[in-house]
Amino acid sequence: MVTRKRLRSILTALGLYVMAALLIGYFGVNAFSGNHGLKAKQDIDRQIAALSAERARLNVARAQWERRIALLRPGNLDPDMLDERARALLDYVHPNDLTLMIEAPASAGGRALNSSPAFPK
């Protein structure tokens, strides 16, 4: 009889330690990889950095567009800018204008600019 009580007390203590270890392990795993854990915080920090960089790029683009739009306002109308935009939108070229056609750069595997068939060597 004494053996059973002693075995029961040992198994009870062991069971409590195992349950406590499982509970601590569960919370430990969730603290690292859960929805609000350390891994999620690192992902959010990466997203914040990427979005901040994109925001800075978009702010620069917006400032450029605002400068160009300011040149087209009636009080600050720049005739050269107006002429450039009108020609670009209407695909208009004056007969006395000198146009320069520029080819796009060839890809790494493509042919070089000097080897175009329009300009024989």
N, C-alpha and C. Protein backbone atom coordinates (compact mmCIF):
# COMPACT_ATOMS: atom_id res chain seq x y z
N MET A 1 0.80 -1.18 0.00
CA MET A 1 0.00 0.00 0.00
C MET A 1 0.86 1.27 0.00
N VAL A 2 1.89 1.26 0.81
CA VAL A 2 2.77 2.40 0.88
C VAL A 2 3.44 2.64 -0.47
N THR A 3 3.72 1.55 -1.17
CA THR A 3 4.37 1.66 -2.47
C THR A 3 3.46 2.37 -3.46
N ARG A 4 2.18 2.07 -3.41
CA ARG A 4 1.25 2.72 -4.34
C ARG A 4 1.13 4.21 -4.06
N LYS A 5 1.07 4.60 -2.80
CA LYS A 5 0.98 6.02 -2.46
C LYS A 5 2.25 6.75 -2.89
N ARG A 6 3.37 6.11 -2.69
CA ARG A 6 4.63 6.74 -3.07
C ARG A 6 4.72 6.85 -4.60
N LEU A 7 4.30 5.79 -5.32
CA LEU A 7 4.29 5.81 -6.79
C LEU A 7 3.32 6.86 -7.30
N ARG A 8 2.15 6.94 -6.65
CA ARG A 8 1.16 7.93 -7.05
C ARG A 8 1.70 9.34 -6.84
N SER A 9 2.35 9.61 -5.74
CA SER A 9 2.87 10.95 -5.46
C SER A 9 3.99 11.30 -6.45
N ILE A 10 4.81 10.31 -6.81
CA ILE A 10 5.87 10.56 -7.79
C ILE A 10 5.26 10.84 -9.16
N LEU A 11 4.27 10.03 -9.56
CA LEU A 11 3.61 10.24 -10.86
C LEU A 11 2.83 11.55 -10.89
N THR A 12 2.23 11.94 -9.79
CA THR A 12 1.50 13.20 -9.72
C THR A 12 2.47 14.38 -9.88
N ALA A 13 3.57 14.33 -9.18
CA ALA A 13 4.56 15.40 -9.29
C ALA A 13 5.13 15.45 -10.71
N LEU A 14 5.44 14.27 -11.25
CA LEU A 14 5.96 14.20 -12.61
C LEU A 14 4.94 14.73 -13.62
N GLY A 15 3.68 14.38 -13.43
CA GLY A 15 2.61 14.86 -14.30
C GLY A 15 2.47 16.37 -14.23
N LEU A 16 2.57 16.93 -13.02
CA LEU A 16 2.49 18.38 -12.88
C LEU A 16 3.66 19.07 -13.58
N TYR A 17 4.86 18.51 -13.43
CA TYR A 17 6.02 19.09 -14.11
C TYR A 17 5.88 19.01 -15.63
N VAL A 18 5.38 17.89 -16.11
CA VAL A 18 5.19 17.74 -17.56
C VAL A 18 4.14 18.73 -18.06
N MET A 19 3.04 18.88 -17.32
CA MET A 19 2.00 19.84 -17.73
C MET A 19 2.54 21.28 -17.70
N ALA A 20 3.31 21.60 -16.68
CA ALA A 20 3.89 22.95 -16.60
C ALA A 20 4.87 23.17 -17.76
N ALA A 21 5.68 22.15 -18.07
CA ALA A 21 6.63 22.28 -19.17
C ALA A 21 5.90 22.44 -20.50
N LEU A 22 4.82 21.68 -20.72
CA LEU A 22 4.03 21.81 -21.94
C LEU A 22 3.38 23.20 -22.05
N LEU A 23 2.88 23.70 -20.93
CA LEU A 23 2.25 25.02 -20.92
C LEU A 23 3.28 26.11 -21.23
N ILE A 24 4.44 26.02 -20.60
CA ILE A 24 5.50 27.00 -20.86
C ILE A 24 5.98 26.88 -22.31
N GLY A 25 6.11 25.65 -22.81
CA GLY A 25 6.52 25.45 -24.20
C GLY A 25 5.50 26.03 -25.18
N TYR A 26 4.22 25.85 -24.89
CA TYR A 26 3.17 26.39 -25.75
C TYR A 26 3.27 27.90 -25.84
N PHE A 27 3.38 28.55 -24.69
CA PHE A 27 3.48 30.01 -24.69
C PHE A 27 4.80 30.48 -25.28
N GLY A 28 5.85 29.71 -25.10
CA GLY A 28 7.14 30.07 -25.69
C GLY A 28 7.10 30.01 -27.21
N VAL A 29 6.50 28.97 -27.75
CA VAL A 29 6.38 28.85 -29.22
C VAL A 29 5.52 29.98 -29.77
N ASN A 30 4.41 30.27 -29.10
CA ASN A 30 3.54 31.35 -29.58
C ASN A 30 4.21 32.72 -29.44
N ALA A 31 5.06 32.89 -28.43
CA ALA A 31 5.76 34.16 -28.28
C ALA A 31 6.74 34.37 -29.44
N PHE A 32 7.23 33.30 -30.01
CA PHE A 32 8.16 33.43 -31.13
C PHE A 32 7.44 33.49 -32.47
N SER A 33 6.53 32.55 -32.71
CA SER A 33 5.96 32.43 -34.05
C SER A 33 4.46 32.70 -34.13
N GLY A 34 3.86 33.24 -33.11
CA GLY A 34 2.42 33.51 -33.14
C GLY A 34 2.10 34.77 -33.94
N ASN A 35 0.82 35.12 -33.97
CA ASN A 35 0.37 36.30 -34.72
C ASN A 35 0.98 37.59 -34.18
N HIS A 36 1.30 37.62 -32.90
CA HIS A 36 1.87 38.82 -32.28
C HIS A 36 3.26 38.52 -31.72
N GLY A 37 3.93 37.53 -32.26
CA GLY A 37 5.22 37.10 -31.73
C GLY A 37 6.39 37.87 -32.34
N LEU A 38 7.58 37.40 -32.00
CA LEU A 38 8.81 38.06 -32.45
C LEU A 38 8.98 37.98 -33.96
N LYS A 39 8.62 36.84 -34.55
CA LYS A 39 8.75 36.68 -35.99
C LYS A 39 7.79 37.63 -36.73
N ALA A 40 6.57 37.75 -36.21
CA ALA A 40 5.60 38.66 -36.82
C ALA A 40 6.07 40.11 -36.69
N LYS A 41 6.71 40.44 -35.58
CA LYS A 41 7.24 41.80 -35.41
C LYS A 41 8.34 42.09 -36.42
N GLN A 42 9.20 41.12 -36.69
CA GLN A 42 10.24 41.31 -37.69
C GLN A 42 9.63 41.50 -39.07
N ASP A 43 8.61 40.72 -39.40
CA ASP A 43 7.93 40.88 -40.69
C ASP A 43 7.30 42.26 -40.82
N ILE A 44 6.68 42.73 -39.74
CA ILE A 44 6.05 44.05 -39.76
C ILE A 44 7.11 45.13 -39.91
N ASP A 45 8.25 44.97 -39.23
CA ASP A 45 9.33 45.95 -39.36
C ASP A 45 9.86 46.00 -40.79
N ARG A 46 9.98 44.83 -41.45
CA ARG A 46 10.41 44.80 -42.85
C ARG A 46 9.40 45.50 -43.74
N GLN A 47 8.11 45.25 -43.50
CA GLN A 47 7.07 45.90 -44.29
C GLN A 47 7.09 47.41 -44.08
N ILE A 48 7.32 47.84 -42.85
CA ILE A 48 7.38 49.28 -42.56
C ILE A 48 8.54 49.91 -43.32
N ALA A 49 9.70 49.24 -43.33
CA ALA A 49 10.85 49.79 -44.04
C ALA A 49 10.58 49.87 -45.54
N ALA A 50 9.98 48.82 -46.11
CA ALA A 50 9.69 48.82 -47.54
C ALA A 50 8.67 49.90 -47.90
N LEU A 51 7.63 50.02 -47.09
CA LEU A 51 6.60 51.03 -47.37
C LEU A 51 7.13 52.44 -47.15
N SER A 52 8.04 52.62 -46.20
CA SER A 52 8.64 53.95 -45.99
C SER A 52 9.49 54.34 -47.19
N ALA A 53 10.24 53.38 -47.74
CA ALA A 53 11.04 53.66 -48.93
C ALA A 53 10.14 54.01 -50.12
N GLU A 54 9.06 53.25 -50.27
CA GLU A 54 8.13 53.54 -51.36
C GLU A 54 7.47 54.90 -51.18
N ARG A 55 7.13 55.24 -49.94
CA ARG A 55 6.53 56.54 -49.66
C ARG A 55 7.49 57.68 -50.00
N ALA A 56 8.76 57.50 -49.66
CA ALA A 56 9.75 58.53 -49.99
C ALA A 56 9.88 58.69 -51.50
N ARG A 57 9.89 57.55 -52.21
CA ARG A 57 9.97 57.61 -53.68
C ARG A 57 8.74 58.30 -54.26
N LEU A 58 7.57 57.99 -53.73
CA LEU A 58 6.34 58.61 -54.23
C LEU A 58 6.28 60.10 -53.89
N ASN A 59 6.83 60.48 -52.74
CA ASN A 59 6.87 61.91 -52.39
C ASN A 59 7.74 62.68 -53.37
N VAL A 60 8.86 62.10 -53.79
CA VAL A 60 9.73 62.75 -54.77
C VAL A 60 9.00 62.87 -56.11
N ALA A 61 8.33 61.79 -56.51
CA ALA A 61 7.58 61.83 -57.78
C ALA A 61 6.47 62.87 -57.72
N ARG A 62 5.79 62.94 -56.58
CA ARG A 62 4.71 63.91 -56.44
C ARG A 62 5.25 65.34 -56.51
N ALA A 63 6.40 65.58 -55.87
CA ALA A 63 7.00 66.92 -55.91
C ALA A 63 7.36 67.29 -57.35
N GLN A 64 7.88 66.32 -58.10
CA GLN A 64 8.21 66.60 -59.51
C GLN A 64 6.96 66.95 -60.30
N TRP A 65 5.89 66.18 -60.10
CA TRP A 65 4.64 66.45 -60.82
C TRP A 65 4.06 67.80 -60.40
N GLU A 66 4.16 68.13 -59.12
CA GLU A 66 3.63 69.43 -58.68
C GLU A 66 4.40 70.58 -59.31
N ARG A 67 5.71 70.43 -59.46
CA ARG A 67 6.50 71.48 -60.14
C ARG A 67 6.07 71.61 -61.59
N ARG A 68 5.87 70.47 -62.25
CA ARG A 68 5.47 70.53 -63.67
C ARG A 68 4.07 71.11 -63.82
N ILE A 69 3.17 70.77 -62.91
CA ILE A 69 1.80 71.30 -62.98
C ILE A 69 1.81 72.79 -62.69
N ALA A 70 2.67 73.23 -61.76
CA ALA A 70 2.75 74.66 -61.46
C ALA A 70 3.19 75.45 -62.69
N LEU A 71 4.00 74.85 -63.54
CA LEU A 71 4.43 75.54 -64.77
C LEU A 71 3.29 75.66 -65.77
N LEU A 72 2.26 74.86 -65.66
CA LEU A 72 1.14 74.91 -66.59
C LEU A 72 -0.04 75.74 -66.07
N ARG A 73 0.05 76.30 -64.87
CA ARG A 73 -1.03 77.12 -64.34
C ARG A 73 -1.06 78.45 -65.10
N PRO A 74 -2.24 79.05 -65.20
CA PRO A 74 -2.36 80.29 -65.99
C PRO A 74 -1.42 81.40 -65.54
N GLY A 75 -1.16 81.54 -64.27
CA GLY A 75 -0.28 82.61 -63.79
C GLY A 75 1.18 82.36 -64.13
N ASN A 76 1.59 81.11 -64.24
CA ASN A 76 2.99 80.75 -64.49
C ASN A 76 3.16 79.96 -65.77
N LEU A 77 2.36 80.21 -66.74
CA LEU A 77 2.38 79.40 -67.95
C LEU A 77 3.72 79.50 -68.65
N ASP A 78 4.39 78.38 -68.79
CA ASP A 78 5.67 78.31 -69.49
C ASP A 78 5.38 77.89 -70.93
N PRO A 79 5.64 78.76 -71.89
CA PRO A 79 5.30 78.43 -73.29
C PRO A 79 6.03 77.19 -73.80
N ASP A 80 7.27 76.99 -73.39
CA ASP A 80 8.01 75.82 -73.85
C ASP A 80 7.39 74.53 -73.32
N MET A 81 6.99 74.55 -72.05
CA MET A 81 6.36 73.37 -71.46
C MET A 81 5.02 73.08 -72.13
N LEU A 82 4.24 74.14 -72.40
CA LEU A 82 2.96 73.97 -73.07
C LEU A 82 3.16 73.40 -74.47
N ASP A 83 4.13 73.92 -75.20
CA ASP A 83 4.42 73.43 -76.54
C ASP A 83 4.86 71.97 -76.49
N GLU A 84 5.72 71.64 -75.55
CA GLU A 84 6.21 70.26 -75.43
C GLU A 84 5.06 69.29 -75.14
N ARG A 85 4.19 69.64 -74.21
CA ARG A 85 3.07 68.76 -73.87
C ARG A 85 2.09 68.63 -75.03
N ALA A 86 1.81 69.75 -75.72
CA ALA A 86 0.87 69.69 -76.84
C ALA A 86 1.42 68.81 -77.95
N ARG A 87 2.69 68.94 -78.25
CA ARG A 87 3.29 68.11 -79.31
C ARG A 87 3.32 66.64 -78.90
N ALA A 88 3.59 66.36 -77.63
CA ALA A 88 3.63 64.97 -77.18
C ALA A 88 2.24 64.34 -77.23
N LEU A 89 1.23 65.08 -76.80
CA LEU A 89 -0.13 64.53 -76.78
C LEU A 89 -0.72 64.39 -78.18
N LEU A 90 -0.39 65.32 -79.07
CA LEU A 90 -0.97 65.30 -80.41
C LEU A 90 -0.09 64.62 -81.45
N ASP A 91 1.08 64.17 -81.05
CA ASP A 91 2.05 63.59 -81.98
C ASP A 91 2.30 64.53 -83.15
N TYR A 92 2.56 65.78 -82.83
CA TYR A 92 2.74 66.82 -83.83
C TYR A 92 4.21 67.18 -83.95
N VAL A 93 4.69 67.28 -85.18
CA VAL A 93 6.05 67.74 -85.44
C VAL A 93 5.97 68.77 -86.56
N HIS A 94 6.57 69.90 -86.33
CA HIS A 94 6.60 70.96 -87.35
C HIS A 94 7.57 70.56 -88.45
N PRO A 95 7.29 70.88 -89.72
CA PRO A 95 8.19 70.48 -90.81
C PRO A 95 9.61 71.01 -90.65
N ASN A 96 9.79 72.15 -89.99
CA ASN A 96 11.13 72.71 -89.81
C ASN A 96 11.84 72.20 -88.57
N ASP A 97 11.17 71.34 -87.79
CA ASP A 97 11.79 70.80 -86.58
C ASP A 97 12.80 69.73 -86.94
N LEU A 98 13.84 69.69 -86.17
CA LEU A 98 14.86 68.65 -86.33
C LEU A 98 14.56 67.57 -85.29
N THR A 99 14.30 66.36 -85.76
CA THR A 99 14.00 65.27 -84.82
C THR A 99 15.15 64.30 -84.80
N LEU A 100 15.41 63.76 -83.64
CA LEU A 100 16.49 62.81 -83.45
C LEU A 100 15.87 61.51 -82.95
N MET A 101 15.99 60.47 -83.71
CA MET A 101 15.43 59.17 -83.33
C MET A 101 16.50 58.39 -82.57
N ILE A 102 16.19 57.99 -81.38
CA ILE A 102 17.13 57.25 -80.53
C ILE A 102 16.60 55.85 -80.33
N GLU A 103 17.44 54.86 -80.62
CA GLU A 103 17.05 53.47 -80.41
C GLU A 103 17.18 53.13 -78.93
N ALA A 104 16.35 52.20 -78.50
CA ALA A 104 16.47 51.71 -77.13
C ALA A 104 17.74 50.87 -77.03
N PRO A 105 18.43 50.88 -75.89
CA PRO A 105 19.65 50.08 -75.76
C PRO A 105 19.34 48.60 -75.92
N ALA A 106 20.24 47.90 -76.59
CA ALA A 106 20.06 46.47 -76.83
C ALA A 106 20.25 45.71 -75.53
N SER A 107 19.58 44.57 -75.41
CA SER A 107 19.75 43.74 -74.22
C SER A 107 21.11 43.06 -74.27
N ALA A 108 21.46 42.38 -73.18
CA ALA A 108 22.78 41.75 -73.09
C ALA A 108 22.99 40.71 -74.19
N GLY A 109 21.94 39.98 -74.53
CA GLY A 109 22.08 38.94 -75.55
C GLY A 109 21.78 39.44 -76.95
N GLY A 110 21.33 40.69 -77.05
CA GLY A 110 20.94 41.22 -78.36
C GLY A 110 22.12 41.81 -79.09
N ARG A 111 21.81 42.45 -80.23
CA ARG A 111 22.88 43.04 -81.03
C ARG A 111 23.22 44.43 -80.51
N ALA A 112 24.36 44.91 -80.87
CA ALA A 112 24.83 46.22 -80.43
C ALA A 112 24.14 47.32 -81.24
N LEU A 113 24.25 48.57 -80.79
CA LEU A 113 23.61 49.68 -81.50
C LEU A 113 24.22 49.91 -82.88
N ASN A 114 25.51 49.64 -83.05
CA ASN A 114 26.18 49.90 -84.32
C ASN A 114 25.78 48.89 -85.40
N SER A 115 25.22 47.78 -85.01
CA SER A 115 24.94 46.74 -86.00
C SER A 115 23.51 46.76 -86.49
N SER A 116 22.82 47.92 -86.43
CA SER A 116 21.45 47.95 -86.90
C SER A 116 21.44 47.91 -88.43
N PRO A 117 20.42 47.28 -89.04
CA PRO A 117 20.39 47.14 -90.49
C PRO A 117 20.14 48.47 -91.20
N ALA A 118 19.64 49.51 -90.48
CA ALA A 118 19.37 50.79 -91.14
C ALA A 118 20.66 51.54 -91.47
N PHE A 119 21.72 51.26 -90.74
CA PHE A 119 22.98 51.93 -90.95
C PHE A 119 24.05 50.89 -91.30
N PRO A 120 24.24 50.58 -92.57
CA PRO A 120 25.27 49.58 -92.92
C PRO A 120 26.66 50.12 -92.64
N LYS A 121 27.55 49.22 -92.36
CA LYS A 121 28.93 49.61 -92.03
C LYS A 121 29.72 49.96 -93.25
